[in-house]
Amino acid sequence: MSPVSRPTLAIIPMITRLSATWLIVVILQLLQRNLNMLAVNFGFTLLVVLTLTLSVVKSSPTKNPLVRNEGKTTYKIRLTKAICVDLPYEIAWNVTCRLKLYRDQPSRMLFRVEVDQVDHIFLTFAMYYKYHLTYQPLLMETTFDVCSYLEKFKNRGYASVAPSLDQTAMFILSILEKNNPTAIRTGCPYKGVVAFEDFRIDESMAPQFLPAGEYRLDMRYFNEKNQTVMHSQVFGSVRAIGIVDLSMG
């Protein structure tokens, strides 16, 4: 996070080649976290594995690895709600999580929090897909050291960041790059009002393929003592364009 702007959303990138290593990781995580779901919702499980396998980033050494596909997509993204959860926070106050709706353009988000000082900050990100009336983990969960990555980027650029980031952290930074390129050049610590306004996400930031349905994105920022700075949930939907049903439900 930066004193000016903070990312809270990101969407999976798309490539055309499969990654055997990523597929193995996904299957192992699936077995570990969702063993019951394998037996009950096997079709959903296979679609999750396929979706995530097709979503691996293949970075080029000559290009910015945080830039995502901007081609035409077969769906529309609509954000419906943004809320702060687990309030109140021990080290933060005046917390705001709000979605601003517009008639003829994508929705914008406002996130704001006030802190005395946070010397080091971490982020846990998780994505969920609504399946049979409940939100199921989409195996897109990671926790990473925000300050460390931002410091590397500020000092040495993309080449130093990309090799050490997992895929989830990569597309979190990619959305930040699209919305506010200067934000990731600011490092820790953070003090006072930490906010970003008019943060948006649309089809130009997303992969060419994304299953239709309802989604929830969870973002929790916290310090080295595991004290919450902000914990937000953003709800939205993906709707297919045309007559083909691309949902997983």
C-alpha atoms as a PDB file:
ATOM      1  CA  MET A   1       0.000   0.000   0.000  1.00  0.00           C
ATOM      2  CA  SER A   2       1.076   3.576  -0.557  1.00  0.00           C
ATOM      3  CA  PRO A   3       0.121   6.755   1.269  1.00  0.00           C
ATOM      4  CA  VAL A   4      -1.763   7.821  -1.860  1.00  0.00           C
ATOM      5  CA  SER A   5      -3.205   4.709  -3.383  1.00  0.00           C
ATOM      6  CA  ARG A   6      -3.701   1.058  -2.493  1.00  0.00           C
ATOM      7  CA  PRO A   7      -4.644  -1.975  -4.572  1.00  0.00           C
ATOM      8  CA  THR A   8      -7.423  -4.172  -3.316  1.00  0.00           C
ATOM      9  CA  LEU A   9      -8.371  -6.111  -6.379  1.00  0.00           C
ATOM     10  CA  ALA A  10      -6.780  -8.127  -9.095  1.00  0.00           C
ATOM     11  CA  ILE A  11      -7.951 -10.607 -11.671  1.00  0.00           C
ATOM     12  CA  ILE A  12      -6.229 -13.702 -13.052  1.00  0.00           C
ATOM     13  CA  PRO A  13      -4.142 -13.217 -16.225  1.00  0.00           C
ATOM     14  CA  MET A  14      -4.499 -15.485 -19.268  1.00  0.00           C
ATOM     15  CA  ILE A  15      -1.987 -17.380 -21.373  1.00  0.00           C
ATOM     16  CA  THR A  16      -2.359 -19.992 -24.064  1.00  0.00           C
ATOM     17  CA  ARG A  17       0.192 -22.524 -22.813  1.00  0.00           C
ATOM     18  CA  LEU A  18      -0.235 -24.817 -19.809  1.00  0.00           C
ATOM     19  CA  SER A  19       2.264 -24.803 -16.961  1.00  0.00           C
ATOM     20  CA  ALA A  20       2.920 -28.275 -15.527  1.00  0.00           C
ATOM     21  CA  THR A  21       4.448 -26.870 -12.356  1.00  0.00           C
ATOM     22  CA  TRP A  22       1.495 -24.593 -11.649  1.00  0.00           C
ATOM     23  CA  LEU A  23      -0.953 -27.436 -12.335  1.00  0.00           C
ATOM     24  CA  ILE A  24       0.801 -29.648  -9.782  1.00  0.00           C
ATOM     25  CA  VAL A  25       0.721 -26.863  -7.198  1.00  0.00           C
ATOM     26  CA  VAL A  26      -2.992 -26.277  -7.771  1.00  0.00           C
ATOM     27  CA  ILE A  27      -3.827 -29.981  -7.455  1.00  0.00           C
ATOM     28  CA  LEU A  28      -1.810 -30.322  -4.241  1.00  0.00           C
ATOM     29  CA  GLN A  29      -3.524 -27.282  -2.734  1.00  0.00           C
ATOM     30  CA  LEU A  30      -6.877 -28.645  -3.824  1.00  0.00           C
ATOM     31  CA  LEU A  31      -6.228 -31.977  -2.129  1.00  0.00           C
ATOM     32  CA  GLN A  32      -5.035 -30.270   1.038  1.00  0.00           C
ATOM     33  CA  ARG A  33      -7.743 -27.621   1.417  1.00  0.00           C
ATOM     34  CA  ASN A  34     -10.813 -29.011  -0.315  1.00  0.00           C
ATOM     35  CA  LEU A  35     -10.788 -32.794   0.027  1.00  0.00           C
ATOM     36  CA  ASN A  36     -14.498 -32.929   0.744  1.00  0.00           C
ATOM     37  CA  MET A  37     -15.299 -30.766  -2.240  1.00  0.00           C
ATOM     38  CA  LEU A  38     -13.447 -33.209  -4.495  1.00  0.00           C
ATOM     39  CA  ALA A  39     -15.985 -35.914  -3.709  1.00  0.00           C
ATOM     40  CA  VAL A  40     -19.100 -33.747  -3.706  1.00  0.00           C
ATOM     41  CA  ASN A  41     -18.397 -31.201  -6.453  1.00  0.00           C
ATOM     42  CA  PHE A  42     -15.962 -32.938  -8.761  1.00  0.00           C
ATOM     43  CA  GLY A  43     -17.083 -30.994 -11.820  1.00  0.00           C
ATOM     44  CA  PHE A  44     -16.558 -27.684 -10.055  1.00  0.00           C
ATOM     45  CA  THR A  45     -13.113 -28.848  -8.932  1.00  0.00           C
ATOM     46  CA  LEU A  46     -11.998 -29.731 -12.459  1.00  0.00           C
ATOM     47  CA  LEU A  47     -13.156 -26.373 -13.776  1.00  0.00           C
ATOM     48  CA  VAL A  48     -11.270 -24.555 -11.032  1.00  0.00           C
ATOM     49  CA  VAL A  49      -8.073 -26.450 -11.887  1.00  0.00           C
ATOM     50  CA  LEU A  50      -8.504 -25.724 -15.601  1.00  0.00           C
ATOM     51  CA  THR A  51      -9.260 -22.053 -15.026  1.00  0.00           C
ATOM     52  CA  LEU A  52      -6.245 -21.503 -12.815  1.00  0.00           C
ATOM     53  CA  THR A  53      -3.930 -23.498 -15.067  1.00  0.00           C
ATOM     54  CA  LEU A  54      -4.930 -21.301 -18.011  1.00  0.00           C
ATOM     55  CA  SER A  55      -4.261 -18.238 -15.857  1.00  0.00           C
ATOM     56  CA  VAL A  56      -0.525 -18.513 -15.259  1.00  0.00           C
ATOM     57  CA  VAL A  57       1.603 -15.509 -16.151  1.00  0.00           C
ATOM     58  CA  LYS A  58       4.445 -16.132 -18.576  1.00  0.00           C
ATOM     59  CA  SER A  59       6.726 -13.138 -18.153  1.00  0.00           C
ATOM     60  CA  SER A  60       9.054 -11.972 -20.868  1.00  0.00           C
ATOM     61  CA  PRO A  61      12.487 -10.653 -19.851  1.00  0.00           C
ATOM     62  CA  THR A  62      12.107  -7.808 -22.331  1.00  0.00           C
ATOM     63  CA  LYS A  63       8.655  -6.681 -21.218  1.00  0.00           C
ATOM     64  CA  ASN A  64       7.030  -5.330 -18.105  1.00  0.00           C
ATOM     65  CA  PRO A  65       5.835  -8.531 -16.335  1.00  0.00           C
ATOM     66  CA  LEU A  66       3.073  -6.628 -14.551  1.00  0.00           C
ATOM     67  CA  VAL A  67       1.285  -5.611 -17.757  1.00  0.00           C
ATOM     68  CA  ARG A  68      -1.756  -7.765 -18.480  1.00  0.00           C
ATOM     69  CA  ASN A  69      -3.756  -8.650 -21.559  1.00  0.00           C
ATOM     70  CA  GLU A  70      -5.819  -5.768 -22.936  1.00  0.00           C
ATOM     71  CA  GLY A  71      -7.548  -7.620 -25.739  1.00  0.00           C
ATOM     72  CA  LYS A  72     -11.272  -8.156 -26.224  1.00  0.00           C
ATOM     73  CA  THR A  73     -13.027 -10.401 -23.712  1.00  0.00           C
ATOM     74  CA  THR A  74     -16.179 -12.520 -23.873  1.00  0.00           C
ATOM     75  CA  TYR A  75     -17.686 -11.165 -20.666  1.00  0.00           C
ATOM     76  CA  LYS A  76     -18.557  -8.073 -18.645  1.00  0.00           C
ATOM     77  CA  ILE A  77     -17.449  -7.328 -15.079  1.00  0.00           C
ATOM     78  CA  ARG A  78     -19.797  -5.615 -12.638  1.00  0.00           C
ATOM     79  CA  LEU A  79     -18.866  -4.713  -9.064  1.00  0.00           C
ATOM     80  CA  THR A  80     -21.816  -4.739  -6.663  1.00  0.00           C
ATOM     81  CA  LYS A  81     -20.579  -4.066  -3.126  1.00  0.00           C
ATOM     82  CA  ALA A  82     -17.479  -3.221  -1.069  1.00  0.00           C
ATOM     83  CA  ILE A  83     -17.425  -3.540   2.724  1.00  0.00           C
ATOM     84  CA  CYS A  84     -14.987  -3.434   5.634  1.00  0.00           C
ATOM     85  CA  VAL A  85     -15.137  -6.468   7.941  1.00  0.00           C
ATOM     86  CA  ASP A  86     -13.891  -7.417  11.426  1.00  0.00           C
ATOM     87  CA  LEU A  87     -14.325  -3.875  12.730  1.00  0.00           C
ATOM     88  CA  PRO A  88     -13.150  -2.183  14.911  1.00  0.00           C
ATOM     89  CA  TYR A  89      -9.386  -2.411  14.388  1.00  0.00           C
ATOM     90  CA  GLU A  90      -6.912  -2.037  17.210  1.00  0.00           C
ATOM     91  CA  ILE A  91      -4.429   0.190  15.367  1.00  0.00           C
ATOM     92  CA  ALA A  92      -6.635   1.891  12.745  1.00  0.00           C
ATOM     93  CA  TRP A  93      -9.700   4.111  12.752  1.00  0.00           C
ATOM     94  CA  ASN A  94     -11.950   6.173  10.451  1.00  0.00           C
ATOM     95  CA  VAL A  95     -12.147   3.157   8.158  1.00  0.00           C
ATOM     96  CA  THR A  96     -14.137   3.431   4.923  1.00  0.00           C
ATOM     97  CA  CYS A  97     -14.857   0.774   2.281  1.00  0.00           C
ATOM     98  CA  ARG A  98     -17.367   1.924  -0.286  1.00  0.00           C
ATOM     99  CA  LEU A  99     -18.395   1.291  -3.863  1.00  0.00           C
ATOM    100  CA  LYS A 100     -19.378   4.245  -6.025  1.00  0.00           C
ATOM    101  CA  LEU A 101     -21.813   3.319  -8.790  1.00  0.00           C
ATOM    102  CA  TYR A 102     -22.078   5.153 -12.121  1.00  0.00           C
ATOM    103  CA  ARG A 103     -24.708   4.814 -14.815  1.00  0.00           C
ATOM    104  CA  ASP A 104     -22.494   4.827 -17.918  1.00  0.00           C
ATOM    105  CA  GLN A 105     -19.039   3.767 -16.685  1.00  0.00           C
ATOM    106  CA  PRO A 106     -17.414   1.129 -14.466  1.00  0.00           C
ATOM    107  CA  SER A 107     -17.941   1.351 -10.716  1.00  0.00           C
ATOM    108  CA  ARG A 108     -15.209   2.975  -8.629  1.00  0.00           C
ATOM    109  CA  MET A 109     -14.082   2.069  -5.127  1.00  0.00           C
ATOM    110  CA  LEU A 110     -13.105   4.216  -2.178  1.00  0.00           C
ATOM    111  CA  PHE A 111     -10.924   2.779   0.602  1.00  0.00           C
ATOM    112  CA  ARG A 112      -9.668   4.910   3.464  1.00  0.00           C
ATOM    113  CA  VAL A 113      -8.032   4.256   6.844  1.00  0.00           C
ATOM    114  CA  GLU A 114      -6.107   6.316   9.388  1.00  0.00           C
ATOM    115  CA  VAL A 115      -3.156   4.942  11.385  1.00  0.00           C
ATOM    116  CA  ASP A 116      -0.531   6.300  13.790  1.00  0.00           C
ATOM    117  CA  GLN A 117       2.348   4.545  12.047  1.00  0.00           C
ATOM    118  CA  VAL A 118       2.796   1.175  10.385  1.00  0.00           C
ATOM    119  CA  ASP A 119       6.454   0.294   9.880  1.00  0.00           C
ATOM    120  CA  HIS A 120       5.873  -2.927   7.994  1.00  0.00           C
ATOM    121  CA  ILE A 121       2.801  -4.259   6.256  1.00  0.00           C
ATOM    122  CA  PHE A 122       1.687  -7.610   4.887  1.00  0.00           C
ATOM    123  CA  LEU A 123      -1.245  -8.586   2.681  1.00  0.00           C
ATOM    124  CA  THR A 124      -3.424 -11.688   2.541  1.00  0.00           C
ATOM    125  CA  PHE A 125      -5.489 -11.970  -0.634  1.00  0.00           C
ATOM    126  CA  ALA A 126      -8.147 -14.595  -1.410  1.00  0.00           C
ATOM    127  CA  MET A 127     -10.644 -15.081  -4.238  1.00  0.00           C
ATOM    128  CA  TYR A 128     -13.959 -16.929  -3.901  1.00  0.00           C
ATOM    129  CA  TYR A 129     -16.500 -18.160  -6.445  1.00  0.00           C
ATOM    130  CA  LYS A 130     -20.187 -18.531  -5.559  1.00  0.00           C
ATOM    131  CA  TYR A 131     -21.204 -22.138  -6.136  1.00  0.00           C
ATOM    132  CA  HIS A 132     -24.521 -23.599  -4.951  1.00  0.00           C
ATOM    133  CA  LEU A 133     -25.354 -20.518  -2.835  1.00  0.00           C
ATOM    134  CA  THR A 134     -22.024 -20.474  -0.945  1.00  0.00           C
ATOM    135  CA  TYR A 135     -18.680 -18.896  -1.748  1.00  0.00           C
ATOM    136  CA  GLN A 136     -16.059 -21.574  -2.451  1.00  0.00           C
ATOM    137  CA  PRO A 137     -12.291 -20.871  -2.341  1.00  0.00           C
ATOM    138  CA  LEU A 138     -10.922 -20.515  -5.863  1.00  0.00           C
ATOM    139  CA  LEU A 139      -7.428 -21.581  -4.723  1.00  0.00           C
ATOM    140  CA  MET A 140      -6.282 -18.010  -5.195  1.00  0.00           C
ATOM    141  CA  GLU A 141      -4.935 -17.266  -1.746  1.00  0.00           C
ATOM    142  CA  THR A 142      -1.560 -15.877  -0.767  1.00  0.00           C
ATOM    143  CA  THR A 143       0.148 -13.814   1.922  1.00  0.00           C
ATOM    144  CA  PHE A 144       3.135 -11.685   1.031  1.00  0.00           C
ATOM    145  CA  ASP A 145       5.356  -8.923   2.375  1.00  0.00           C
ATOM    146  CA  VAL A 146       4.122  -5.743   0.672  1.00  0.00           C
ATOM    147  CA  CYS A 147       6.959  -3.538   1.875  1.00  0.00           C
ATOM    148  CA  SER A 148       9.642  -5.930   0.664  1.00  0.00           C
ATOM    149  CA  TYR A 149       8.256  -6.100  -2.870  1.00  0.00           C
ATOM    150  CA  LEU A 150       7.661  -2.376  -3.115  1.00  0.00           C
ATOM    151  CA  GLU A 151      11.198  -1.675  -1.922  1.00  0.00           C
ATOM    152  CA  LYS A 152      12.638  -4.050  -4.525  1.00  0.00           C
ATOM    153  CA  PHE A 153      10.604  -2.428  -7.246  1.00  0.00           C
ATOM    154  CA  LYS A 154      11.532   1.087  -6.185  1.00  0.00           C
ATOM    155  CA  ASN A 155      15.255   0.283  -6.188  1.00  0.00           C
ATOM    156  CA  ARG A 156      15.644  -2.157  -9.072  1.00  0.00           C
ATOM    157  CA  GLY A 157      12.461  -2.187 -11.162  1.00  0.00           C
ATOM    158  CA  TYR A 158      10.425  -5.012 -12.635  1.00  0.00           C
ATOM    159  CA  ALA A 159      13.324  -7.415 -13.186  1.00  0.00           C
ATOM    160  CA  SER A 160      13.911  -7.698  -9.437  1.00  0.00           C
ATOM    161  CA  VAL A 161      10.239  -8.096  -8.562  1.00  0.00           C
ATOM    162  CA  ALA A 162       8.903 -10.663 -11.038  1.00  0.00           C
ATOM    163  CA  PRO A 163      11.084 -13.700 -10.138  1.00  0.00           C
ATOM    164  CA  SER A 164      10.180 -13.550  -6.440  1.00  0.00           C
ATOM    165  CA  LEU A 165       6.427 -12.971  -6.777  1.00  0.00           C
ATOM    166  CA  ASP A 166       3.883 -15.760  -6.889  1.00  0.00           C
ATOM    167  CA  GLN A 167       1.083 -15.463  -9.441  1.00  0.00           C
ATOM    168  CA  THR A 168      -1.439 -13.930  -7.039  1.00  0.00           C
ATOM    169  CA  ALA A 169       0.950 -11.202  -5.929  1.00  0.00           C
ATOM    170  CA  MET A 170       1.822 -10.529  -9.569  1.00  0.00           C
ATOM    171  CA  PHE A 171      -1.718  -9.709 -10.637  1.00  0.00           C
ATOM    172  CA  ILE A 172      -2.352  -7.688  -7.464  1.00  0.00           C
ATOM    173  CA  LEU A 173       0.548  -5.477  -8.526  1.00  0.00           C
ATOM    174  CA  SER A 174      -0.662  -5.511 -12.124  1.00  0.00           C
ATOM    175  CA  ILE A 175      -3.977  -3.921 -11.159  1.00  0.00           C
ATOM    176  CA  LEU A 176      -2.147  -1.318  -9.101  1.00  0.00           C
ATOM    177  CA  GLU A 177       0.098  -0.621 -12.083  1.00  0.00           C
ATOM    178  CA  LYS A 178      -2.936   0.037 -14.270  1.00  0.00           C
ATOM    179  CA  ASN A 179      -4.633   2.349 -11.767  1.00  0.00           C
ATOM    180  CA  ASN A 180      -1.731   4.219 -10.209  1.00  0.00           C
ATOM    181  CA  PRO A 181       1.780   3.483 -11.546  1.00  0.00           C
ATOM    182  CA  THR A 182       3.429   5.810  -9.034  1.00  0.00           C
ATOM    183  CA  ALA A 183       1.938   4.089  -5.995  1.00  0.00           C
ATOM    184  CA  ILE A 184       4.249   1.066  -6.098  1.00  0.00           C
ATOM    185  CA  ARG A 185       7.264   3.365  -6.052  1.00  0.00           C
ATOM    186  CA  THR A 186       6.491   4.442  -2.478  1.00  0.00           C
ATOM    187  CA  GLY A 187       7.772   2.254   0.338  1.00  0.00           C
ATOM    188  CA  CYS A 188       7.150   1.811   4.053  1.00  0.00           C
ATOM    189  CA  PRO A 189       6.458   3.109   6.679  1.00  0.00           C
ATOM    190  CA  TYR A 190       2.929   4.500   6.464  1.00  0.00           C
ATOM    191  CA  LYS A 191       1.431   7.128   8.725  1.00  0.00           C
ATOM    192  CA  GLY A 192      -1.731   9.210   8.868  1.00  0.00           C
ATOM    193  CA  VAL A 193      -4.470   8.846   6.257  1.00  0.00           C
ATOM    194  CA  VAL A 194      -3.974   5.936   3.875  1.00  0.00           C
ATOM    195  CA  ALA A 195      -6.490   6.027   1.053  1.00  0.00           C
ATOM    196  CA  PHE A 196      -7.190   5.563  -2.599  1.00  0.00           C
ATOM    197  CA  GLU A 197     -10.166   6.875  -4.524  1.00  0.00           C
ATOM    198  CA  ASP A 198     -11.716   6.060  -7.866  1.00  0.00           C
ATOM    199  CA  PHE A 199     -10.015   2.680  -7.972  1.00  0.00           C
ATOM    200  CA  ARG A 200     -11.580   0.722 -10.813  1.00  0.00           C
ATOM    201  CA  ILE A 201     -11.427  -2.636 -12.485  1.00  0.00           C
ATOM    202  CA  ASP A 202     -12.798  -3.489 -15.922  1.00  0.00           C
ATOM    203  CA  GLU A 203     -12.425  -5.979 -18.763  1.00  0.00           C
ATOM    204  CA  SER A 204      -9.226  -4.355 -20.093  1.00  0.00           C
ATOM    205  CA  MET A 205      -7.416  -5.469 -16.900  1.00  0.00           C
ATOM    206  CA  ALA A 206      -8.722  -9.024 -16.995  1.00  0.00           C
ATOM    207  CA  PRO A 207      -7.803 -12.198 -18.892  1.00  0.00           C
ATOM    208  CA  GLN A 208      -9.481 -13.126 -22.154  1.00  0.00           C
ATOM    209  CA  PHE A 209     -11.374 -15.893 -20.356  1.00  0.00           C
ATOM    210  CA  LEU A 210     -13.019 -15.753 -16.940  1.00  0.00           C
ATOM    211  CA  PRO A 211     -15.880 -18.035 -15.818  1.00  0.00           C
ATOM    212  CA  ALA A 212     -19.232 -16.305 -15.498  1.00  0.00           C
ATOM    213  CA  GLY A 213     -20.712 -16.105 -12.023  1.00  0.00           C
ATOM    214  CA  GLU A 214     -20.528 -14.343  -8.673  1.00  0.00           C
ATOM    215  CA  TYR A 215     -17.160 -13.540  -7.049  1.00  0.00           C
ATOM    216  CA  ARG A 216     -15.834 -12.258  -3.732  1.00  0.00           C
ATOM    217  CA  LEU A 217     -12.362 -10.805  -3.231  1.00  0.00           C
ATOM    218  CA  ASP A 218     -10.924 -10.614   0.290  1.00  0.00           C
ATOM    219  CA  MET A 219      -7.958  -8.373   1.151  1.00  0.00           C
ATOM    220  CA  ARG A 220      -6.494  -8.093   4.646  1.00  0.00           C
ATOM    221  CA  TYR A 221      -3.599  -5.743   5.384  1.00  0.00           C
ATOM    222  CA  PHE A 222      -1.813  -6.261   8.703  1.00  0.00           C
ATOM    223  CA  ASN A 223       1.433  -5.421  10.503  1.00  0.00           C
ATOM    224  CA  GLU A 224       4.217  -7.636  11.850  1.00  0.00           C
ATOM    225  CA  LYS A 225       2.190  -8.211  15.050  1.00  0.00           C
ATOM    226  CA  ASN A 226      -0.751  -9.513  12.984  1.00  0.00           C
ATOM    227  CA  GLN A 227      -2.839  -6.447  13.845  1.00  0.00           C
ATOM    228  CA  THR A 228      -5.317  -5.576  11.127  1.00  0.00           C
ATOM    229  CA  VAL A 229      -4.867  -2.293   9.257  1.00  0.00           C
ATOM    230  CA  MET A 230      -7.783  -2.947   6.892  1.00  0.00           C
ATOM    231  CA  HIS A 231      -9.844  -5.992   5.948  1.00  0.00           C
ATOM    232  CA  SER A 232     -12.109  -5.525   2.943  1.00  0.00           C
ATOM    233  CA  GLN A 233     -14.444  -7.692   0.899  1.00  0.00           C
ATOM    234  CA  VAL A 234     -15.451  -6.764  -2.637  1.00  0.00           C
ATOM    235  CA  PHE A 235     -18.363  -8.492  -4.358  1.00  0.00           C
ATOM    236  CA  GLY A 236     -18.946  -8.613  -8.086  1.00  0.00           C
ATOM    237  CA  SER A 237     -20.162 -10.638 -11.019  1.00  0.00           C
ATOM    238  CA  VAL A 238     -18.911 -11.764 -14.404  1.00  0.00           C
ATOM    239  CA  ARG A 239     -21.495 -12.069 -17.162  1.00  0.00           C
ATOM    240  CA  ALA A 240     -20.827 -13.803 -20.471  1.00  0.00           C
ATOM    241  CA  ILE A 241     -21.489 -11.945 -23.719  1.00  0.00           C
ATOM    242  CA  GLY A 242     -23.519 -14.054 -26.137  1.00  0.00           C
ATOM    243  CA  ILE A 243     -25.512 -17.243 -25.722  1.00  0.00           C
ATOM    244  CA  VAL A 244     -22.813 -19.580 -24.374  1.00  0.00           C
ATOM    245  CA  ASP A 245     -23.014 -20.333 -20.632  1.00  0.00           C
ATOM    246  CA  LEU A 246     -19.477 -19.920 -19.237  1.00  0.00           C
ATOM    247  CA  SER A 247     -20.438 -20.308 -15.587  1.00  0.00           C
ATOM    248  CA  MET A 248     -19.084 -23.013 -13.272  1.00  0.00           C
ATOM    249  CA  GLY A 249     -22.297 -23.467 -11.324  1.00  0.00           C
END
